[in-house]
Amino acid sequence: MKFPSTATMIRVFRGLAIAEAFSWAALLLGMVLKWVTRTTEVGVEIAGPIHGAFFIGYAIAALSLWAMLRWPFRVALLSGLSAVCPFATVWFERWAGRRGHLNASAAAASRTTAQETAGV
């Protein structure tokens, strides 16, 4: 089985971070319609499973990138916590990008350096 490249996983992760945030917004709107205005439950019935799918996809992508890019535990923990707070996945994606945690070439360079150090 062929796994996606690191660059592909980074693109998928960035897309899922944005999609997860939009699905949070849809779910929050659905909850307002259900619990505050008491008009309909359709918003929650539709947005709930969609948000759940994006949430799980984001979590899998974050775990994959943790392994592929060899993130420090703190970065991986922040990626997980960001999925729990509404809209924080977009913040994390931007933060990680600025700090170089979403850079495929830097990960390849650090992997090569680690292999040279280990004598592989």
N, C-alpha and C. Protein backbone atom coordinates (compact mmCIF):
# COMPACT_ATOMS: atom_id res chain seq x y z
N MET A 1 0.83 -1.17 0.00
CA MET A 1 0.00 0.00 0.00
C MET A 1 0.89 1.25 0.00
N LYS A 2 0.58 2.17 -0.88
CA LYS A 2 1.37 3.39 -0.98
C LYS A 2 0.70 4.50 -0.17
N PHE A 3 1.47 5.11 0.71
CA PHE A 3 0.96 6.20 1.53
C PHE A 3 1.15 7.52 0.81
N PRO A 4 0.32 8.52 1.12
CA PRO A 4 0.47 9.83 0.47
C PRO A 4 1.79 10.49 0.87
N SER A 5 2.27 11.36 0.01
CA SER A 5 3.51 12.09 0.31
C SER A 5 3.26 13.07 1.46
N THR A 6 4.34 13.54 2.04
CA THR A 6 4.23 14.50 3.13
C THR A 6 3.56 15.79 2.64
N ALA A 7 3.93 16.24 1.45
CA ALA A 7 3.33 17.46 0.91
C ALA A 7 1.82 17.29 0.73
N THR A 8 1.40 16.12 0.27
CA THR A 8 -0.03 15.85 0.11
C THR A 8 -0.73 15.85 1.47
N MET A 9 -0.12 15.23 2.46
CA MET A 9 -0.72 15.20 3.80
C MET A 9 -0.84 16.60 4.38
N ILE A 10 0.14 17.45 4.12
CA ILE A 10 0.07 18.82 4.62
C ILE A 10 -1.10 19.56 3.96
N ARG A 11 -1.28 19.38 2.64
CA ARG A 11 -2.41 20.01 1.95
C ARG A 11 -3.74 19.49 2.50
N VAL A 12 -3.83 18.19 2.71
CA VAL A 12 -5.05 17.60 3.26
C VAL A 12 -5.32 18.15 4.66
N PHE A 13 -4.28 18.22 5.48
CA PHE A 13 -4.42 18.74 6.84
C PHE A 13 -4.93 20.18 6.83
N ARG A 14 -4.35 21.00 5.97
CA ARG A 14 -4.77 22.41 5.89
C ARG A 14 -6.24 22.51 5.46
N GLY A 15 -6.63 21.70 4.48
CA GLY A 15 -8.02 21.70 4.03
C GLY A 15 -8.98 21.23 5.11
N LEU A 16 -8.58 20.19 5.83
CA LEU A 16 -9.44 19.68 6.91
C LEU A 16 -9.53 20.67 8.06
N ALA A 17 -8.47 21.42 8.34
CA ALA A 17 -8.53 22.43 9.40
C ALA A 17 -9.59 23.47 9.08
N ILE A 18 -9.64 23.90 7.83
CA ILE A 18 -10.63 24.90 7.42
C ILE A 18 -12.03 24.29 7.39
N ALA A 19 -12.15 23.09 6.84
CA ALA A 19 -13.46 22.43 6.76
C ALA A 19 -14.01 22.15 8.16
N GLU A 20 -13.14 21.77 9.08
CA GLU A 20 -13.57 21.49 10.45
C GLU A 20 -14.11 22.76 11.10
N ALA A 21 -13.47 23.89 10.84
CA ALA A 21 -13.94 25.16 11.40
C ALA A 21 -15.30 25.55 10.82
N PHE A 22 -15.46 25.41 9.50
CA PHE A 22 -16.76 25.72 8.89
C PHE A 22 -17.86 24.78 9.39
N SER A 23 -17.52 23.52 9.58
CA SER A 23 -18.53 22.59 10.09
C SER A 23 -18.90 22.91 11.54
N TRP A 24 -17.94 23.43 12.32
CA TRP A 24 -18.24 23.91 13.68
C TRP A 24 -19.28 25.02 13.59
N ALA A 25 -19.06 25.97 12.66
CA ALA A 25 -20.00 27.09 12.51
C ALA A 25 -21.40 26.58 12.15
N ALA A 26 -21.45 25.64 11.23
CA ALA A 26 -22.76 25.08 10.84
C ALA A 26 -23.42 24.37 12.02
N LEU A 27 -22.63 23.63 12.78
CA LEU A 27 -23.18 22.92 13.94
C LEU A 27 -23.65 23.91 15.00
N LEU A 28 -22.88 24.95 15.25
CA LEU A 28 -23.30 25.96 16.23
C LEU A 28 -24.59 26.64 15.79
N LEU A 29 -24.71 26.95 14.51
CA LEU A 29 -25.95 27.53 13.98
C LEU A 29 -27.11 26.56 14.16
N GLY A 30 -26.87 25.29 13.86
CA GLY A 30 -27.90 24.28 14.06
C GLY A 30 -28.34 24.17 15.51
N MET A 31 -27.38 24.28 16.43
CA MET A 31 -27.72 24.22 17.86
C MET A 31 -28.52 25.43 18.30
N VAL A 32 -28.20 26.60 17.74
CA VAL A 32 -28.99 27.79 18.06
C VAL A 32 -30.43 27.61 17.58
N LEU A 33 -30.58 27.10 16.35
CA LEU A 33 -31.93 26.87 15.83
C LEU A 33 -32.69 25.83 16.66
N LYS A 34 -31.97 24.83 17.14
CA LYS A 34 -32.64 23.77 17.90
C LYS A 34 -32.96 24.21 19.33
N TRP A 35 -32.00 24.81 20.02
CA TRP A 35 -32.15 25.04 21.45
C TRP A 35 -32.60 26.46 21.80
N VAL A 36 -32.25 27.45 21.00
CA VAL A 36 -32.60 28.83 21.34
C VAL A 36 -33.92 29.23 20.69
N THR A 37 -33.97 29.10 19.37
CA THR A 37 -35.20 29.49 18.69
C THR A 37 -36.25 28.38 18.69
N ARG A 38 -35.82 27.17 18.95
CA ARG A 38 -36.71 25.99 18.99
C ARG A 38 -37.55 25.86 17.72
N THR A 39 -36.89 26.12 16.56
CA THR A 39 -37.62 26.05 15.30
C THR A 39 -37.41 24.74 14.56
N THR A 40 -36.18 24.22 14.55
CA THR A 40 -35.91 23.00 13.80
C THR A 40 -34.67 22.29 14.33
N GLU A 41 -34.65 20.98 14.13
CA GLU A 41 -33.50 20.17 14.50
C GLU A 41 -32.68 19.76 13.28
N VAL A 42 -33.12 20.19 12.10
CA VAL A 42 -32.48 19.77 10.86
C VAL A 42 -31.01 20.19 10.82
N GLY A 43 -30.71 21.38 11.31
CA GLY A 43 -29.33 21.87 11.29
C GLY A 43 -28.39 20.96 12.04
N VAL A 44 -28.81 20.49 13.20
CA VAL A 44 -27.99 19.59 14.00
C VAL A 44 -27.92 18.22 13.34
N GLU A 45 -29.03 17.76 12.79
CA GLU A 45 -29.06 16.44 12.14
C GLU A 45 -28.15 16.39 10.92
N ILE A 46 -28.01 17.49 10.22
CA ILE A 46 -27.16 17.53 9.03
C ILE A 46 -25.72 17.88 9.40
N ALA A 47 -25.54 18.96 10.15
CA ALA A 47 -24.19 19.44 10.47
C ALA A 47 -23.46 18.54 11.45
N GLY A 48 -24.18 17.85 12.32
CA GLY A 48 -23.53 16.99 13.31
C GLY A 48 -22.66 15.90 12.69
N PRO A 49 -23.22 15.06 11.83
CA PRO A 49 -22.39 14.02 11.20
C PRO A 49 -21.29 14.57 10.30
N ILE A 50 -21.56 15.68 9.63
CA ILE A 50 -20.54 16.29 8.77
C ILE A 50 -19.38 16.78 9.62
N HIS A 51 -19.70 17.47 10.71
CA HIS A 51 -18.65 17.94 11.62
C HIS A 51 -17.89 16.76 12.21
N GLY A 52 -18.60 15.71 12.58
CA GLY A 52 -17.93 14.53 13.13
C GLY A 52 -16.94 13.92 12.15
N ALA A 53 -17.32 13.86 10.88
CA ALA A 53 -16.42 13.30 9.86
C ALA A 53 -15.18 14.18 9.68
N PHE A 54 -15.37 15.50 9.62
CA PHE A 54 -14.22 16.40 9.49
C PHE A 54 -13.34 16.36 10.73
N PHE A 55 -13.95 16.24 11.90
CA PHE A 55 -13.21 16.16 13.15
C PHE A 55 -12.30 14.92 13.14
N ILE A 56 -12.87 13.79 12.77
CA ILE A 56 -12.09 12.54 12.74
C ILE A 56 -11.00 12.63 11.67
N GLY A 57 -11.33 13.18 10.50
CA GLY A 57 -10.32 13.35 9.45
C GLY A 57 -9.18 14.24 9.90
N TYR A 58 -9.52 15.34 10.57
CA TYR A 58 -8.50 16.25 11.09
C TYR A 58 -7.61 15.53 12.10
N ALA A 59 -8.21 14.77 12.98
CA ALA A 59 -7.44 14.06 14.00
C ALA A 59 -6.49 13.05 13.36
N ILE A 60 -6.97 12.31 12.37
CA ILE A 60 -6.12 11.33 11.69
C ILE A 60 -4.99 12.04 10.95
N ALA A 61 -5.30 13.14 10.27
CA ALA A 61 -4.27 13.89 9.56
C ALA A 61 -3.24 14.46 10.53
N ALA A 62 -3.68 14.96 11.67
CA ALA A 62 -2.75 15.51 12.66
C ALA A 62 -1.84 14.41 13.20
N LEU A 63 -2.40 13.25 13.50
CA LEU A 63 -1.58 12.13 13.99
C LEU A 63 -0.59 11.68 12.92
N SER A 64 -1.02 11.66 11.68
CA SER A 64 -0.13 11.28 10.58
C SER A 64 1.02 12.27 10.45
N LEU A 65 0.70 13.57 10.51
CA LEU A 65 1.75 14.57 10.40
C LEU A 65 2.67 14.56 11.61
N TRP A 66 2.15 14.24 12.77
CA TRP A 66 3.00 14.12 13.96
C TRP A 66 4.08 13.08 13.70
N ALA A 67 3.70 11.97 13.10
CA ALA A 67 4.67 10.92 12.80
C ALA A 67 5.56 11.29 11.61
N MET A 68 4.97 11.83 10.56
CA MET A 68 5.73 12.14 9.34
C MET A 68 6.71 13.29 9.53
N LEU A 69 6.28 14.33 10.23
CA LEU A 69 7.10 15.53 10.40
C LEU A 69 7.85 15.54 11.71
N ARG A 70 7.62 14.52 12.51
CA ARG A 70 8.28 14.38 13.82
C ARG A 70 8.07 15.63 14.68
N TRP A 71 6.78 15.99 14.80
CA TRP A 71 6.44 17.13 15.64
C TRP A 71 6.82 16.84 17.08
N PRO A 72 7.22 17.87 17.83
CA PRO A 72 7.36 17.70 19.28
C PRO A 72 5.99 17.41 19.89
N PHE A 73 5.98 16.77 21.03
CA PHE A 73 4.71 16.41 21.67
C PHE A 73 3.83 17.64 21.89
N ARG A 74 4.43 18.77 22.24
CA ARG A 74 3.67 19.99 22.50
C ARG A 74 2.87 20.41 21.26
N VAL A 75 3.46 20.29 20.10
CA VAL A 75 2.78 20.67 18.85
C VAL A 75 1.63 19.70 18.58
N ALA A 76 1.88 18.41 18.77
CA ALA A 76 0.82 17.42 18.56
C ALA A 76 -0.33 17.64 19.54
N LEU A 77 -0.01 17.96 20.78
CA LEU A 77 -1.04 18.22 21.79
C LEU A 77 -1.87 19.46 21.41
N LEU A 78 -1.21 20.51 20.95
CA LEU A 78 -1.93 21.70 20.51
C LEU A 78 -2.85 21.40 19.33
N SER A 79 -2.40 20.55 18.42
CA SER A 79 -3.25 20.21 17.27
C SER A 79 -4.51 19.49 17.75
N GLY A 80 -4.36 18.61 18.73
CA GLY A 80 -5.52 17.90 19.27
C GLY A 80 -6.46 18.82 20.03
N LEU A 81 -5.90 19.69 20.85
CA LEU A 81 -6.73 20.61 21.62
C LEU A 81 -7.45 21.61 20.72
N SER A 82 -6.82 21.96 19.61
CA SER A 82 -7.45 22.92 18.70
C SER A 82 -8.72 22.37 18.08
N ALA A 83 -8.83 21.06 17.96
CA ALA A 83 -10.02 20.46 17.38
C ALA A 83 -11.22 20.52 18.33
N VAL A 84 -10.95 20.74 19.60
CA VAL A 84 -12.02 20.76 20.59
C VAL A 84 -12.64 22.16 20.71
N CYS A 85 -11.85 23.19 20.47
CA CYS A 85 -12.33 24.57 20.57
C CYS A 85 -12.83 25.04 19.20
N PRO A 86 -14.00 25.66 19.16
CA PRO A 86 -14.51 26.13 17.87
C PRO A 86 -13.53 27.07 17.16
N PHE A 87 -13.29 26.78 15.90
CA PHE A 87 -12.47 27.59 14.99
C PHE A 87 -10.98 27.58 15.30
N ALA A 88 -10.54 26.86 16.31
CA ALA A 88 -9.12 26.87 16.69
C ALA A 88 -8.26 26.07 15.72
N THR A 89 -8.85 25.19 14.90
CA THR A 89 -8.04 24.44 13.95
C THR A 89 -7.41 25.37 12.91
N VAL A 90 -8.12 26.43 12.54
CA VAL A 90 -7.56 27.40 11.60
C VAL A 90 -6.41 28.15 12.27
N TRP A 91 -6.60 28.54 13.53
CA TRP A 91 -5.52 29.20 14.27
C TRP A 91 -4.30 28.28 14.34
N PHE A 92 -4.51 27.01 14.69
CA PHE A 92 -3.38 26.09 14.81
C PHE A 92 -2.67 25.91 13.47
N GLU A 93 -3.43 25.76 12.40
CA GLU A 93 -2.83 25.56 11.08
C GLU A 93 -1.96 26.77 10.71
N ARG A 94 -2.43 27.98 10.98
CA ARG A 94 -1.65 29.18 10.70
C ARG A 94 -0.42 29.24 11.60
N TRP A 95 -0.61 28.97 12.88
CA TRP A 95 0.49 29.00 13.85
C TRP A 95 1.56 27.99 13.47
N ALA A 96 1.16 26.77 13.18
CA ALA A 96 2.12 25.72 12.83
C ALA A 96 2.84 26.05 11.53
N GLY A 97 2.14 26.65 10.58
CA GLY A 97 2.77 27.05 9.33
C GLY A 97 3.82 28.12 9.54
N ARG A 98 3.51 29.12 10.38
CA ARG A 98 4.47 30.19 10.66
C ARG A 98 5.71 29.67 11.39
N ARG A 99 5.53 28.67 12.23
CA ARG A 99 6.63 28.13 13.02
C ARG A 99 7.43 27.05 12.28
N GLY A 100 7.00 26.71 11.05
CA GLY A 100 7.73 25.73 10.26
C GLY A 100 7.34 24.29 10.53
N HIS A 101 6.28 24.07 11.28
CA HIS A 101 5.84 22.70 11.58
C HIS A 101 5.08 22.06 10.43
N LEU A 102 4.73 22.84 9.42
CA LEU A 102 4.04 22.30 8.25
C LEU A 102 4.89 22.47 7.01
N ASN A 103 6.17 22.18 7.15
CA ASN A 103 7.13 22.35 6.07
C ASN A 103 7.72 20.98 5.72
N ALA A 104 7.35 20.45 4.57
CA ALA A 104 7.79 19.11 4.16
C ALA A 104 9.29 19.07 3.93
N SER A 105 9.88 20.12 3.37
CA SER A 105 11.32 20.10 3.09
C SER A 105 12.13 20.14 4.38
N ALA A 106 11.67 20.87 5.38
CA ALA A 106 12.38 20.90 6.66
C ALA A 106 12.33 19.54 7.33
N ALA A 107 11.19 18.86 7.20
CA ALA A 107 11.06 17.52 7.79
C ALA A 107 12.01 16.55 7.10
N ALA A 108 12.12 16.63 5.78
CA ALA A 108 13.03 15.75 5.05
C ALA A 108 14.47 16.02 5.44
N ALA A 109 14.83 17.29 5.62
CA ALA A 109 16.19 17.63 6.01
C ALA A 109 16.51 17.12 7.41
N SER A 110 15.55 17.25 8.34
CA SER A 110 15.81 16.76 9.70
C SER A 110 15.90 15.24 9.73
N ARG A 111 15.12 14.58 8.86
CA ARG A 111 15.17 13.12 8.78
C ARG A 111 16.53 12.67 8.25
N THR A 112 17.04 13.38 7.24
CA THR A 112 18.35 13.06 6.67
C THR A 112 19.44 13.28 7.70
N THR A 113 19.37 14.37 8.44
CA THR A 113 20.35 14.66 9.47
C THR A 113 20.32 13.59 10.56
N ALA A 114 19.12 13.18 10.94
CA ALA A 114 18.98 12.13 11.97
C ALA A 114 19.57 10.81 11.48
N GLN A 115 19.37 10.49 10.21
CA GLN A 115 19.90 9.25 9.66
C GLN A 115 21.42 9.31 9.58
N GLU A 116 21.96 10.47 9.20
CA GLU A 116 23.42 10.62 9.15
C GLU A 116 24.03 10.48 10.53
N THR A 117 23.37 11.06 11.53
CA THR A 117 23.85 10.97 12.90
C THR A 117 23.84 9.53 13.39
N ALA A 118 22.79 8.80 13.00
CA ALA A 118 22.67 7.42 13.42
C ALA A 118 23.56 6.48 12.60
N GLY A 119 24.11 7.01 11.51
CA GLY A 119 25.00 6.19 10.70
C GLY A 119 24.27 5.28 9.72
N VAL A 120 23.05 5.65 9.37
CA VAL A 120 22.25 4.84 8.45
C VAL A 120 22.57 5.19 7.04
